[in-house]
Amino acid sequence: MSWSRGHSSLTENPFNKPIIDRCINCGDQEEVQATITMEFGEGNLNTGPICRKCYSIHRGPRIAEF
């Protein structure tokens, strides 16, 4: 190792690793897109991770304001 090339542990960013968890919508263990709060029934809230597939299917339309 020379001074011109950094050590591999210094160049890796541990925060960019994908998080794998159980999706609260479909129940699959996949990469997490976000953490959401869903309402089941009246006042019954459930907070947890949602996978990329469910997030892209259930996201609302984007509204551009100019």
C-alpha atoms as a PDB file:
ATOM      1  CA  MET A   1       0.000   0.000   0.000  1.00  0.00           C
ATOM      2  CA  SER A   2       1.365   3.381  -0.915  1.00  0.00           C
ATOM      3  CA  TRP A   3       0.474   6.863   0.187  1.00  0.00           C
ATOM      4  CA  SER A   4      -1.238   7.593  -3.169  1.00  0.00           C
ATOM      5  CA  ARG A   5      -3.810   4.822  -2.784  1.00  0.00           C
ATOM      6  CA  GLY A   6      -6.050   4.852   0.261  1.00  0.00           C
ATOM      7  CA  HIS A   7      -6.979   1.796   2.260  1.00  0.00           C
ATOM      8  CA  SER A   8     -10.185   0.055   1.145  1.00  0.00           C
ATOM      9  CA  SER A   9     -11.815   0.439   4.560  1.00  0.00           C
ATOM     10  CA  LEU A  10     -11.359   4.213   4.324  1.00  0.00           C
ATOM     11  CA  THR A  11     -12.950   4.506   0.876  1.00  0.00           C
ATOM     12  CA  GLU A  12     -16.035   2.373   1.591  1.00  0.00           C
ATOM     13  CA  ASN A  13     -19.048   4.173   2.987  1.00  0.00           C
ATOM     14  CA  PRO A  14     -20.934   1.924   5.445  1.00  0.00           C
ATOM     15  CA  PHE A  15     -24.043   4.131   5.207  1.00  0.00           C
ATOM     16  CA  ASN A  16     -24.635   3.329   1.506  1.00  0.00           C
ATOM     17  CA  LYS A  17     -25.285  -0.375   2.109  1.00  0.00           C
ATOM     18  CA  PRO A  18     -28.867  -1.420   1.307  1.00  0.00           C
ATOM     19  CA  ILE A  19     -31.113  -2.233   4.244  1.00  0.00           C
ATOM     20  CA  ILE A  20     -32.971  -5.550   3.962  1.00  0.00           C
ATOM     21  CA  ASP A  21     -36.091  -5.809   6.133  1.00  0.00           C
ATOM     22  CA  ARG A  22     -39.645  -7.184   6.064  1.00  0.00           C
ATOM     23  CA  CYS A  23     -42.094  -4.998   4.130  1.00  0.00           C
ATOM     24  CA  ILE A  24     -45.264  -4.106   6.084  1.00  0.00           C
ATOM     25  CA  ASN A  25     -47.296  -4.115   2.871  1.00  0.00           C
ATOM     26  CA  CYS A  26     -46.384  -7.408   1.131  1.00  0.00           C
ATOM     27  CA  GLY A  27     -44.410  -9.225   3.870  1.00  0.00           C
ATOM     28  CA  ASP A  28     -41.385 -10.015   1.650  1.00  0.00           C
ATOM     29  CA  GLN A  29     -37.838  -9.470   2.840  1.00  0.00           C
ATOM     30  CA  GLU A  30     -36.428  -7.020   0.310  1.00  0.00           C
ATOM     31  CA  GLU A  31     -34.489  -3.762   0.116  1.00  0.00           C
ATOM     32  CA  VAL A  32     -36.226  -0.968   2.035  1.00  0.00           C
ATOM     33  CA  GLN A  33     -37.244   2.225   0.214  1.00  0.00           C
ATOM     34  CA  ALA A  34     -38.753   4.194   3.107  1.00  0.00           C
ATOM     35  CA  THR A  35     -40.517   3.947   6.455  1.00  0.00           C
ATOM     36  CA  ILE A  36     -44.238   4.680   6.268  1.00  0.00           C
ATOM     37  CA  THR A  37     -47.308   4.730   8.488  1.00  0.00           C
ATOM     38  CA  MET A  38     -50.368   2.828   7.236  1.00  0.00           C
ATOM     39  CA  GLU A  39     -53.872   2.979   8.694  1.00  0.00           C
ATOM     40  CA  PHE A  40     -55.758  -0.297   9.113  1.00  0.00           C
ATOM     41  CA  GLY A  41     -59.341   0.430  10.043  1.00  0.00           C
ATOM     42  CA  GLU A  42     -60.256   3.404  12.159  1.00  0.00           C
ATOM     43  CA  GLY A  43     -57.324   4.790  14.133  1.00  0.00           C
ATOM     44  CA  ASN A  44     -55.220   1.616  13.954  1.00  0.00           C
ATOM     45  CA  LEU A  45     -51.819   2.854  12.731  1.00  0.00           C
ATOM     46  CA  ASN A  46     -48.918   0.591  11.737  1.00  0.00           C
ATOM     47  CA  THR A  47     -45.440   2.063  11.144  1.00  0.00           C
ATOM     48  CA  GLY A  48     -42.686   0.147   9.400  1.00  0.00           C
ATOM     49  CA  PRO A  49     -40.469  -0.259   6.331  1.00  0.00           C
ATOM     50  CA  ILE A  50     -41.830  -0.564   2.798  1.00  0.00           C
ATOM     51  CA  CYS A  51     -39.954  -2.238  -0.070  1.00  0.00           C
ATOM     52  CA  ARG A  52     -39.097  -0.539  -3.367  1.00  0.00           C
ATOM     53  CA  LYS A  53     -41.677  -2.542  -5.331  1.00  0.00           C
ATOM     54  CA  CYS A  54     -44.617  -1.648  -3.063  1.00  0.00           C
ATOM     55  CA  TYR A  55     -43.462   1.969  -2.767  1.00  0.00           C
ATOM     56  CA  SER A  56     -43.386   2.433  -6.551  1.00  0.00           C
ATOM     57  CA  ILE A  57     -46.780   0.729  -7.012  1.00  0.00           C
ATOM     58  CA  HIS A  58     -48.630   2.695  -4.302  1.00  0.00           C
ATOM     59  CA  ARG A  59     -47.084   6.140  -4.556  1.00  0.00           C
ATOM     60  CA  GLY A  60     -49.403   8.939  -5.537  1.00  0.00           C
ATOM     61  CA  PRO A  61     -49.169  11.086  -8.647  1.00  0.00           C
ATOM     62  CA  ARG A  62     -46.533  13.787  -8.665  1.00  0.00           C
ATOM     63  CA  ILE A  63     -47.954  17.263  -8.878  1.00  0.00           C
ATOM     64  CA  ALA A  64     -45.696  19.987 -10.239  1.00  0.00           C
ATOM     65  CA  GLU A  65     -46.324  23.494  -9.005  1.00  0.00           C
ATOM     66  CA  PHE A  66     -44.920  26.368 -11.043  1.00  0.00           C
END
